[in-house]
Amino acid sequence: MDFALRIDTAITKAIRQGQASPSPAKLASALHYTVTPGGARIRPSILMAVAAACGDRTPALSDAAAAALELMHCASLVHDDLPCFDDADTRRGKPSVHKAFGEPLAVLAGDSLIIMAFEVLAKAALHDPEQAAKLIGILSNRSGMPNGICAGQGWESEDDVDLRAYHRAKTGALFMAATQMGAVAAGEDAEPWEELGARIGEAFQVADDLRDALYDEDTLGKPVGQDDLHGRPNAVTEFGIQGAIAHMREILTGAIASIPKCPGEEMLANLVRAQAEVLTPIKWRAGQQPNDTPNG
């Protein structure tokens, strides 16, 4: 079974359990709506790849970890789109959850997915209680304060923002969770895998800043210009377009160099290179040079 099928199967199982009768039908529908279509599933795919590179000792635990991570990510998107934050009308090319179901159900859907993520890991403890407990600890650390995505959102309310710390928490946190949880699910230590996740997350955030500045809403499937609209710090503002592109490529080179020694080291290096291709828009790869302005 390939990574994508394993991830989708695990997520579908979790959502169906969350929709079991008796349950409020609209909230049950919102749960399914939130996780489909699945997008690129980048974070759980990285988790699975790390687990595979380390031997994937307990596949059922890897599947649970991947599902939990993606459920947490989807929950964060629902909350990010709310009127109190980005007030975004679209996500992944369709109405955002609060537009489709209303703000109260969007809040509840996000909350339910967060709880569901930890429930999935708790149920997986029967396969390896010690490693499951470690997975719960990692996901907690990378979701809350002071190191997780809640901290990342909190930075946006500060007057003085440390851009690197902001990116590390808002975007990097779940990528660090991906690499560390993949290793732990395979029976390895988490610590050596932190740097790889941090570097991938930092590169992803820089690329996201570039797409936000250069693309239109139809291309992205979500509103653009959000950084400027909300006065948020971003790599394009700090480095300019060309500087941000160079910075992203430097980060990805460092990511490959940081991969710990493991049986699947070369496979992971190829995965990072492939992600670089995904993150870098075609016009940049083709050698075209966009103007060094956010609207270039």
C-alpha atoms as a PDB file:
ATOM      1  CA  MET A   1       0.000   0.000   0.000  1.00  0.00           C
ATOM      2  CA  ASP A   2       1.503   3.381  -0.994  1.00  0.00           C
ATOM      3  CA  PHE A   3       1.793   6.371   1.334  1.00  0.00           C
ATOM      4  CA  ALA A   4      -1.159   8.303  -0.100  1.00  0.00           C
ATOM      5  CA  LEU A   5      -3.526   5.350   0.207  1.00  0.00           C
ATOM      6  CA  ARG A   6      -2.369   4.565   3.737  1.00  0.00           C
ATOM      7  CA  ILE A   7      -2.835   8.186   4.805  1.00  0.00           C
ATOM      8  CA  ASP A   8      -6.289   8.530   3.233  1.00  0.00           C
ATOM      9  CA  THR A   9      -7.429   5.202   4.663  1.00  0.00           C
ATOM     10  CA  ALA A  10      -6.373   6.192   8.188  1.00  0.00           C
ATOM     11  CA  ILE A  11      -7.991   9.634   7.940  1.00  0.00           C
ATOM     12  CA  THR A  12     -11.221   8.243   6.504  1.00  0.00           C
ATOM     13  CA  LYS A  13     -11.425   5.714   9.346  1.00  0.00           C
ATOM     14  CA  ALA A  14     -10.973   8.458  11.952  1.00  0.00           C
ATOM     15  CA  ILE A  15     -13.594  10.722  10.362  1.00  0.00           C
ATOM     16  CA  ARG A  16     -16.127   7.887  10.090  1.00  0.00           C
ATOM     17  CA  GLN A  17     -15.676   7.105  13.767  1.00  0.00           C
ATOM     18  CA  GLY A  18     -16.278  10.781  14.512  1.00  0.00           C
ATOM     19  CA  GLN A  19     -19.503  10.669  12.509  1.00  0.00           C
ATOM     20  CA  ALA A  20     -20.938   7.616  14.270  1.00  0.00           C
ATOM     21  CA  SER A  21     -24.611   7.870  15.215  1.00  0.00           C
ATOM     22  CA  PRO A  22     -26.058   9.474  17.125  1.00  0.00           C
ATOM     23  CA  SER A  23     -24.182  12.661  16.223  1.00  0.00           C
ATOM     24  CA  PRO A  24     -25.128  16.155  14.983  1.00  0.00           C
ATOM     25  CA  ALA A  25     -25.434  15.786  11.228  1.00  0.00           C
ATOM     26  CA  LYS A  26     -24.155  19.233  10.249  1.00  0.00           C
ATOM     27  CA  LEU A  27     -21.014  18.962  12.354  1.00  0.00           C
ATOM     28  CA  ALA A  28     -20.460  15.421  11.061  1.00  0.00           C
ATOM     29  CA  SER A  29     -20.663  16.776   7.505  1.00  0.00           C
ATOM     30  CA  ALA A  30     -18.288  19.619   8.360  1.00  0.00           C
ATOM     31  CA  LEU A  31     -15.665  17.112   9.526  1.00  0.00           C
ATOM     32  CA  HIS A  32     -15.711  15.331   6.169  1.00  0.00           C
ATOM     33  CA  TYR A  33     -15.784  18.640   4.277  1.00  0.00           C
ATOM     34  CA  THR A  34     -12.715  19.865   6.164  1.00  0.00           C
ATOM     35  CA  VAL A  35     -10.424  16.977   5.211  1.00  0.00           C
ATOM     36  CA  THR A  36     -11.599  16.526   1.599  1.00  0.00           C
ATOM     37  CA  PRO A  37     -10.217  17.020  -0.931  1.00  0.00           C
ATOM     38  CA  GLY A  38      -7.009  16.177   0.814  1.00  0.00           C
ATOM     39  CA  GLY A  39      -4.609  18.609  -0.800  1.00  0.00           C
ATOM     40  CA  ALA A  40      -0.993  17.543  -1.180  1.00  0.00           C
ATOM     41  CA  ARG A  41      -0.830  15.835   2.263  1.00  0.00           C
ATOM     42  CA  ILE A  42       2.795  17.004   2.420  1.00  0.00           C
ATOM     43  CA  ARG A  43       3.246  16.660   6.185  1.00  0.00           C
ATOM     44  CA  PRO A  44       1.929  13.101   6.585  1.00  0.00           C
ATOM     45  CA  SER A  45       3.796  12.050   3.439  1.00  0.00           C
ATOM     46  CA  ILE A  46       7.051  13.289   4.948  1.00  0.00           C
ATOM     47  CA  LEU A  47       6.187  11.435   8.160  1.00  0.00           C
ATOM     48  CA  MET A  48       5.610   8.214   6.229  1.00  0.00           C
ATOM     49  CA  ALA A  49       8.816   8.685   4.242  1.00  0.00           C
ATOM     50  CA  VAL A  50      10.885   9.116   7.416  1.00  0.00           C
ATOM     51  CA  ALA A  51       9.234   6.059   8.977  1.00  0.00           C
ATOM     52  CA  ALA A  52      10.013   4.056   5.840  1.00  0.00           C
ATOM     53  CA  ALA A  53      13.602   5.313   5.786  1.00  0.00           C
ATOM     54  CA  CYS A  54      13.976   4.106   9.372  1.00  0.00           C
ATOM     55  CA  GLY A  55      12.469   0.679   8.658  1.00  0.00           C
ATOM     56  CA  ASP A  56       8.765   1.321   9.422  1.00  0.00           C
ATOM     57  CA  ARG A  57       8.836  -1.168  12.276  1.00  0.00           C
ATOM     58  CA  THR A  58       5.147  -0.714  13.201  1.00  0.00           C
ATOM     59  CA  PRO A  59       3.119   0.368  10.131  1.00  0.00           C
ATOM     60  CA  ALA A  60      -0.125   0.713  12.103  1.00  0.00           C
ATOM     61  CA  LEU A  61       1.578   3.246  14.373  1.00  0.00           C
ATOM     62  CA  SER A  62       2.959   5.144  11.378  1.00  0.00           C
ATOM     63  CA  ASP A  63      -0.520   5.250   9.835  1.00  0.00           C
ATOM     64  CA  ALA A  64      -2.014   6.609  13.056  1.00  0.00           C
ATOM     65  CA  ALA A  65       0.738   9.211  13.389  1.00  0.00           C
ATOM     66  CA  ALA A  66       0.230  10.379   9.804  1.00  0.00           C
ATOM     67  CA  ALA A  67      -3.538  10.653  10.252  1.00  0.00           C
ATOM     68  CA  ALA A  68      -3.183  12.533  13.543  1.00  0.00           C
ATOM     69  CA  LEU A  69      -0.739  14.998  12.031  1.00  0.00           C
ATOM     70  CA  GLU A  70      -2.975  15.726   9.043  1.00  0.00           C
ATOM     71  CA  LEU A  71      -6.057  16.101  11.240  1.00  0.00           C
ATOM     72  CA  MET A  72      -4.187  18.691  13.315  1.00  0.00           C
ATOM     73  CA  HIS A  73      -3.097  20.507  10.157  1.00  0.00           C
ATOM     74  CA  CYS A  74      -6.648  20.560   8.784  1.00  0.00           C
ATOM     75  CA  ALA A  75      -7.929  21.884  12.109  1.00  0.00           C
ATOM     76  CA  SER A  76      -5.392  24.709  11.961  1.00  0.00           C
ATOM     77  CA  LEU A  77      -6.589  25.667   8.466  1.00  0.00           C
ATOM     78  CA  VAL A  78     -10.204  25.862   9.628  1.00  0.00           C
ATOM     79  CA  HIS A  79      -9.212  28.151  12.482  1.00  0.00           C
ATOM     80  CA  ASP A  80      -6.838  30.234  10.334  1.00  0.00           C
ATOM     81  CA  ASP A  81      -9.673  30.999   7.916  1.00  0.00           C
ATOM     82  CA  LEU A  82     -12.054  32.280  10.603  1.00  0.00           C
ATOM     83  CA  PRO A  83     -13.115  35.961  10.568  1.00  0.00           C
ATOM     84  CA  CYS A  84     -11.088  36.631  13.726  1.00  0.00           C
ATOM     85  CA  PHE A  85      -7.904  35.611  11.887  1.00  0.00           C
ATOM     86  CA  ASP A  86      -7.591  35.641   8.068  1.00  0.00           C
ATOM     87  CA  ASP A  87     -11.332  35.928   7.309  1.00  0.00           C
ATOM     88  CA  ALA A  88     -10.724  33.825   4.188  1.00  0.00           C
ATOM     89  CA  ASP A  89     -13.611  32.933   1.903  1.00  0.00           C
ATOM     90  CA  THR A  90     -11.935  30.001   0.149  1.00  0.00           C
ATOM     91  CA  ARG A  91      -9.606  27.124   0.933  1.00  0.00           C
ATOM     92  CA  ARG A  92      -8.341  24.461  -1.477  1.00  0.00           C
ATOM     93  CA  GLY A  93     -10.502  25.894  -4.214  1.00  0.00           C
ATOM     94  CA  LYS A  94     -13.839  25.744  -2.371  1.00  0.00           C
ATOM     95  CA  PRO A  95     -15.626  27.815   0.289  1.00  0.00           C
ATOM     96  CA  SER A  96     -13.849  27.789   3.631  1.00  0.00           C
ATOM     97  CA  VAL A  97     -15.585  25.862   6.394  1.00  0.00           C
ATOM     98  CA  HIS A  98     -17.067  28.915   8.091  1.00  0.00           C
ATOM     99  CA  LYS A  99     -18.485  30.064   4.755  1.00  0.00           C
ATOM    100  CA  ALA A 100     -19.984  26.649   4.025  1.00  0.00           C
ATOM    101  CA  PHE A 101     -21.287  25.800   7.511  1.00  0.00           C
ATOM    102  CA  GLY A 102     -21.208  29.009   9.531  1.00  0.00           C
ATOM    103  CA  GLU A 103     -18.712  30.246  12.098  1.00  0.00           C
ATOM    104  CA  PRO A 104     -19.967  28.237  15.121  1.00  0.00           C
ATOM    105  CA  LEU A 105     -19.721  24.909  13.293  1.00  0.00           C
ATOM    106  CA  ALA A 106     -16.305  25.858  11.883  1.00  0.00           C
ATOM    107  CA  VAL A 107     -14.989  26.445  15.401  1.00  0.00           C
ATOM    108  CA  LEU A 108     -16.456  23.138  16.544  1.00  0.00           C
ATOM    109  CA  ALA A 109     -15.107  21.283  13.505  1.00  0.00           C
ATOM    110  CA  GLY A 110     -11.589  22.558  14.155  1.00  0.00           C
ATOM    111  CA  ASP A 111     -11.836  21.704  17.851  1.00  0.00           C
ATOM    112  CA  SER A 112     -13.188  18.239  17.050  1.00  0.00           C
ATOM    113  CA  LEU A 113     -10.333  17.492  14.663  1.00  0.00           C
ATOM    114  CA  ILE A 114      -7.736  18.506  17.265  1.00  0.00           C
ATOM    115  CA  ILE A 115      -9.277  16.140  19.804  1.00  0.00           C
ATOM    116  CA  MET A 116      -9.629  13.451  17.148  1.00  0.00           C
ATOM    117  CA  ALA A 117      -5.910  13.670  16.365  1.00  0.00           C
ATOM    118  CA  PHE A 118      -4.996  12.730  19.919  1.00  0.00           C
ATOM    119  CA  GLU A 119      -7.721  10.091  20.067  1.00  0.00           C
ATOM    120  CA  VAL A 120      -6.210   8.396  17.007  1.00  0.00           C
ATOM    121  CA  LEU A 121      -2.812   8.246  18.717  1.00  0.00           C
ATOM    122  CA  ALA A 122      -4.329   7.019  21.988  1.00  0.00           C
ATOM    123  CA  LYS A 123      -6.069   4.153  20.185  1.00  0.00           C
ATOM    124  CA  ALA A 124      -2.809   3.257  18.424  1.00  0.00           C
ATOM    125  CA  ALA A 125      -1.096   2.765  21.785  1.00  0.00           C
ATOM    126  CA  LEU A 126      -2.063  -0.911  21.725  1.00  0.00           C
ATOM    127  CA  HIS A 127       0.602  -1.413  19.039  1.00  0.00           C
ATOM    128  CA  ASP A 128       3.414   0.167  21.102  1.00  0.00           C
ATOM    129  CA  PRO A 129       2.394   2.111  24.231  1.00  0.00           C
ATOM    130  CA  GLU A 130       5.798   3.726  24.794  1.00  0.00           C
ATOM    131  CA  GLN A 131       6.179   5.028  21.258  1.00  0.00           C
ATOM    132  CA  ALA A 132       2.537   6.160  21.132  1.00  0.00           C
ATOM    133  CA  ALA A 133       3.077   8.219  24.279  1.00  0.00           C
ATOM    134  CA  LYS A 134       6.097   9.837  22.645  1.00  0.00           C
ATOM    135  CA  LEU A 135       4.014  10.625  19.549  1.00  0.00           C
ATOM    136  CA  ILE A 136       1.361  12.317  21.690  1.00  0.00           C
ATOM    137  CA  GLY A 137       4.086  14.362  23.374  1.00  0.00           C
ATOM    138  CA  ILE A 138       5.578  15.505  20.063  1.00  0.00           C
ATOM    139  CA  LEU A 139       2.238  16.477  18.551  1.00  0.00           C
ATOM    140  CA  SER A 140       1.299  18.358  21.725  1.00  0.00           C
ATOM    141  CA  ASN A 141       4.599  20.237  21.753  1.00  0.00           C
ATOM    142  CA  ARG A 142       4.332  21.195  18.090  1.00  0.00           C
ATOM    143  CA  SER A 143       0.676  22.273  18.363  1.00  0.00           C
ATOM    144  CA  GLY A 144       0.521  24.447  21.473  1.00  0.00           C
ATOM    145  CA  MET A 145       2.680  26.915  23.390  1.00  0.00           C
ATOM    146  CA  PRO A 146       5.480  27.840  23.331  1.00  0.00           C
ATOM    147  CA  ASN A 147       6.761  25.832  20.353  1.00  0.00           C
ATOM    148  CA  GLY A 148       3.725  25.013  18.251  1.00  0.00           C
ATOM    149  CA  ILE A 149       1.271  26.407  15.755  1.00  0.00           C
ATOM    150  CA  CYS A 150      -0.677  28.232  18.485  1.00  0.00           C
ATOM    151  CA  ALA A 151       2.493  30.175  19.245  1.00  0.00           C
ATOM    152  CA  GLY A 152       2.850  30.870  15.527  1.00  0.00           C
ATOM    153  CA  GLN A 153      -0.616  32.371  15.401  1.00  0.00           C
ATOM    154  CA  GLY A 154       0.152  34.311  18.571  1.00  0.00           C
ATOM    155  CA  TRP A 155       3.182  35.999  17.007  1.00  0.00           C
ATOM    156  CA  GLU A 156       0.773  37.802  14.663  1.00  0.00           C
ATOM    157  CA  SER A 157      -0.577  39.787  17.624  1.00  0.00           C
ATOM    158  CA  GLU A 158       2.872  41.040  18.677  1.00  0.00           C
ATOM    159  CA  ASP A 159       4.231  44.498  17.840  1.00  0.00           C
ATOM    160  CA  ASP A 160       7.788  43.217  17.371  1.00  0.00           C
ATOM    161  CA  VAL A 161       8.061  39.915  15.540  1.00  0.00           C
ATOM    162  CA  ASP A 162      11.063  37.616  15.299  1.00  0.00           C
ATOM    163  CA  LEU A 163      10.530  36.391  11.717  1.00  0.00           C
ATOM    164  CA  ARG A 164      12.548  33.212  12.172  1.00  0.00           C
ATOM    165  CA  ALA A 165      10.760  32.281  15.410  1.00  0.00           C
ATOM    166  CA  TYR A 166       7.416  33.143  13.809  1.00  0.00           C
ATOM    167  CA  HIS A 167       8.040  30.915  10.807  1.00  0.00           C
ATOM    168  CA  ARG A 168       9.446  28.128  12.987  1.00  0.00           C
ATOM    169  CA  ALA A 169       6.266  28.046  15.072  1.00  0.00           C
ATOM    170  CA  LYS A 170       3.584  28.841  12.512  1.00  0.00           C
ATOM    171  CA  THR A 171       4.795  26.615   9.691  1.00  0.00           C
ATOM    172  CA  GLY A 172       7.880  24.746  10.819  1.00  0.00           C
ATOM    173  CA  ALA A 173       6.267  23.185  13.889  1.00  0.00           C
ATOM    174  CA  LEU A 174       4.179  20.597  12.050  1.00  0.00           C
ATOM    175  CA  PHE A 175       7.045  19.772   9.692  1.00  0.00           C
ATOM    176  CA  MET A 176       9.247  19.111  12.718  1.00  0.00           C
ATOM    177  CA  ALA A 177       6.400  16.986  14.062  1.00  0.00           C
ATOM    178  CA  ALA A 178       6.361  15.119  10.735  1.00  0.00           C
ATOM    179  CA  THR A 179      10.023  14.152  10.764  1.00  0.00           C
ATOM    180  CA  GLN A 180      10.160  13.416  14.483  1.00  0.00           C
ATOM    181  CA  MET A 181       6.899  11.441  14.586  1.00  0.00           C
ATOM    182  CA  GLY A 182       7.971   9.400  11.564  1.00  0.00           C
ATOM    183  CA  ALA A 183      11.195   8.430  13.313  1.00  0.00           C
ATOM    184  CA  VAL A 184       9.464   7.624  16.604  1.00  0.00           C
ATOM    185  CA  ALA A 185       6.788   5.531  14.882  1.00  0.00           C
ATOM    186  CA  ALA A 186       9.638   3.438  13.461  1.00  0.00           C
ATOM    187  CA  GLY A 187      11.251   3.054  16.868  1.00  0.00           C
ATOM    188  CA  GLU A 188      13.978   5.683  16.488  1.00  0.00           C
ATOM    189  CA  ASP A 189      14.872   8.729  18.593  1.00  0.00           C
ATOM    190  CA  ALA A 190      13.118  11.987  17.736  1.00  0.00           C
ATOM    191  CA  GLU A 191      15.882  14.502  18.456  1.00  0.00           C
ATOM    192  CA  PRO A 192      18.172  13.868  15.438  1.00  0.00           C
ATOM    193  CA  TRP A 193      15.228  14.526  13.097  1.00  0.00           C
ATOM    194  CA  GLU A 194      14.284  17.985  14.361  1.00  0.00           C
ATOM    195  CA  GLU A 195      16.621  19.947  12.104  1.00  0.00           C
ATOM    196  CA  LEU A 196      15.347  18.302   8.912  1.00  0.00           C
ATOM    197  CA  GLY A 197      11.749  19.184   9.783  1.00  0.00           C
ATOM    198  CA  ALA A 198      12.696  22.717  10.784  1.00  0.00           C
ATOM    199  CA  ARG A 199      14.497  23.333   7.501  1.00  0.00           C
ATOM    200  CA  ILE A 200      11.706  21.884   5.360  1.00  0.00           C
ATOM    201  CA  GLY A 201       9.175  23.966   7.259  1.00  0.00           C
ATOM    202  CA  GLU A 202      11.201  27.143   6.868  1.00  0.00           C
ATOM    203  CA  ALA A 203      11.548  26.565   3.128  1.00  0.00           C
ATOM    204  CA  PHE A 204       7.834  25.862   2.825  1.00  0.00           C
ATOM    205  CA  GLN A 205       6.986  29.131   4.609  1.00  0.00           C
ATOM    206  CA  VAL A 206       9.277  31.177   2.365  1.00  0.00           C
ATOM    207  CA  ALA A 207       7.712  29.543  -0.683  1.00  0.00           C
ATOM    208  CA  ASP A 208       4.248  30.282   0.705  1.00  0.00           C
ATOM    209  CA  ASP A 209       5.220  33.937   1.171  1.00  0.00           C
ATOM    210  CA  LEU A 210       6.355  34.032  -2.453  1.00  0.00           C
ATOM    211  CA  ARG A 211       3.149  32.452  -3.728  1.00  0.00           C
ATOM    212  CA  ASP A 212       1.082  34.862  -1.641  1.00  0.00           C
ATOM    213  CA  ALA A 213       2.895  37.786  -3.250  1.00  0.00           C
ATOM    214  CA  LEU A 214       3.050  36.523  -6.842  1.00  0.00           C
ATOM    215  CA  TYR A 215       0.037  34.313  -7.542  1.00  0.00           C
ATOM    216  CA  ASP A 216      -3.657  34.949  -8.006  1.00  0.00           C
ATOM    217  CA  GLU A 217      -6.534  33.401  -6.069  1.00  0.00           C
ATOM    218  CA  ASP A 218      -7.537  30.994  -8.840  1.00  0.00           C
ATOM    219  CA  THR A 219      -4.025  29.533  -8.944  1.00  0.00           C
ATOM    220  CA  LEU A 220      -3.702  29.132  -5.177  1.00  0.00           C
ATOM    221  CA  GLY A 221      -7.285  28.120  -4.399  1.00  0.00           C
ATOM    222  CA  LYS A 222      -7.333  30.583  -1.483  1.00  0.00           C
ATOM    223  CA  PRO A 223      -7.146  34.379  -1.025  1.00  0.00           C
ATOM    224  CA  VAL A 224      -3.850  36.047  -1.905  1.00  0.00           C
ATOM    225  CA  GLY A 225      -2.120  39.101  -0.490  1.00  0.00           C
ATOM    226  CA  GLN A 226      -2.995  38.047   3.044  1.00  0.00           C
ATOM    227  CA  ASP A 227       0.402  38.982   4.481  1.00  0.00           C
ATOM    228  CA  ASP A 228       0.143  42.583   3.297  1.00  0.00           C
ATOM    229  CA  LEU A 229      -3.559  42.804   4.166  1.00  0.00           C
ATOM    230  CA  HIS A 230      -2.972  41.752   7.768  1.00  0.00           C
ATOM    231  CA  GLY A 231       0.425  43.421   8.160  1.00  0.00           C
ATOM    232  CA  ARG A 232       2.151  40.100   8.831  1.00  0.00           C
ATOM    233  CA  PRO A 233       5.912  39.600   8.579  1.00  0.00           C
ATOM    234  CA  ASN A 234       7.018  37.667   5.506  1.00  0.00           C
ATOM    235  CA  ALA A 235      10.127  36.725   3.575  1.00  0.00           C
ATOM    236  CA  VAL A 236       9.278  38.803   0.489  1.00  0.00           C
ATOM    237  CA  THR A 237       9.057  41.964   2.561  1.00  0.00           C
ATOM    238  CA  GLU A 238      12.327  41.161   4.327  1.00  0.00           C
ATOM    239  CA  PHE A 239      14.434  39.826   1.435  1.00  0.00           C
ATOM    240  CA  GLY A 240      12.669  40.859  -1.786  1.00  0.00           C
ATOM    241  CA  ILE A 241      11.568  38.276  -4.329  1.00  0.00           C
ATOM    242  CA  GLN A 242      14.987  37.262  -5.622  1.00  0.00           C
ATOM    243  CA  GLY A 243      16.405  37.221  -2.116  1.00  0.00           C
ATOM    244  CA  ALA A 244      13.539  35.055  -0.884  1.00  0.00           C
ATOM    245  CA  ILE A 245      14.035  32.576  -3.744  1.00  0.00           C
ATOM    246  CA  ALA A 246      17.753  32.330  -2.995  1.00  0.00           C
ATOM    247  CA  HIS A 247      17.016  31.946   0.723  1.00  0.00           C
ATOM    248  CA  MET A 248      14.567  29.115   0.075  1.00  0.00           C
ATOM    249  CA  ARG A 249      17.047  27.204  -2.075  1.00  0.00           C
ATOM    250  CA  GLU A 250      19.761  27.642   0.559  1.00  0.00           C
ATOM    251  CA  ILE A 251      17.432  26.256   3.223  1.00  0.00           C
ATOM    252  CA  LEU A 252      16.591  23.189   1.116  1.00  0.00           C
ATOM    253  CA  THR A 253      20.279  22.480   0.507  1.00  0.00           C
ATOM    254  CA  GLY A 254      20.767  22.542   4.264  1.00  0.00           C
ATOM    255  CA  ALA A 255      17.777  20.248   4.715  1.00  0.00           C
ATOM    256  CA  ILE A 256      19.378  17.540   2.570  1.00  0.00           C
ATOM    257  CA  ALA A 257      22.647  17.875   4.469  1.00  0.00           C
ATOM    258  CA  SER A 258      20.822  17.488   7.802  1.00  0.00           C
ATOM    259  CA  ILE A 259      19.261  14.082   7.069  1.00  0.00           C
ATOM    260  CA  PRO A 260      20.430  11.645   9.778  1.00  0.00           C
ATOM    261  CA  LYS A 261      22.175   8.448   8.770  1.00  0.00           C
ATOM    262  CA  CYS A 262      19.545   5.790   8.079  1.00  0.00           C
ATOM    263  CA  PRO A 263      18.840   2.995   5.574  1.00  0.00           C
ATOM    264  CA  GLY A 264      16.613   5.290   3.479  1.00  0.00           C
ATOM    265  CA  GLU A 265      18.859   8.364   3.529  1.00  0.00           C
ATOM    266  CA  GLU A 266      19.093   8.676  -0.261  1.00  0.00           C
ATOM    267  CA  MET A 267      15.332   8.196  -0.654  1.00  0.00           C
ATOM    268  CA  LEU A 268      14.726  11.077   1.753  1.00  0.00           C
ATOM    269  CA  ALA A 269      17.223  13.281  -0.080  1.00  0.00           C
ATOM    270  CA  ASN A 270      15.320  12.634  -3.305  1.00  0.00           C
ATOM    271  CA  LEU A 271      12.057  13.444  -1.527  1.00  0.00           C
ATOM    272  CA  VAL A 272      13.388  16.821  -0.382  1.00  0.00           C
ATOM    273  CA  ARG A 273      14.582  17.553  -3.913  1.00  0.00           C
ATOM    274  CA  ALA A 274      11.150  16.624  -5.256  1.00  0.00           C
ATOM    275  CA  GLN A 275       9.492  18.919  -2.719  1.00  0.00           C
ATOM    276  CA  ALA A 276      11.801  21.700  -3.882  1.00  0.00           C
ATOM    277  CA  GLU A 277      10.407  21.237  -7.370  1.00  0.00           C
ATOM    278  CA  VAL A 278       6.862  21.402  -6.018  1.00  0.00           C
ATOM    279  CA  LEU A 279       7.590  24.494  -3.934  1.00  0.00           C
ATOM    280  CA  THR A 280       9.394  26.352  -6.711  1.00  0.00           C
ATOM    281  CA  PRO A 281       6.944  27.672  -9.336  1.00  0.00           C
ATOM    282  CA  ILE A 282       7.533  26.648 -12.926  1.00  0.00           C
ATOM    283  CA  LYS A 283       8.411  30.151 -14.129  1.00  0.00           C
ATOM    284  CA  TRP A 284      11.288  30.315 -11.613  1.00  0.00           C
ATOM    285  CA  ARG A 285      12.591  26.889 -12.600  1.00  0.00           C
ATOM    286  CA  ALA A 286      12.442  27.885 -16.250  1.00  0.00           C
ATOM    287  CA  GLY A 287      14.928  30.671 -15.593  1.00  0.00           C
ATOM    288  CA  GLN A 288      12.506  33.596 -15.794  1.00  0.00           C
ATOM    289  CA  GLN A 289      13.315  36.363 -13.387  1.00  0.00           C
ATOM    290  CA  PRO A 290      10.280  38.018 -11.757  1.00  0.00           C
ATOM    291  CA  ASN A 291      10.629  41.671 -10.826  1.00  0.00           C
ATOM    292  CA  ASP A 292      11.889  42.260  -7.313  1.00  0.00           C
ATOM    293  CA  THR A 293       8.574  43.656  -6.075  1.00  0.00           C
ATOM    294  CA  PRO A 294       5.662  41.877  -4.385  1.00  0.00           C
ATOM    295  CA  ASN A 295       3.430  42.525  -7.406  1.00  0.00           C
ATOM    296  CA  GLY A 296       6.046  41.545  -9.972  1.00  0.00           C
END
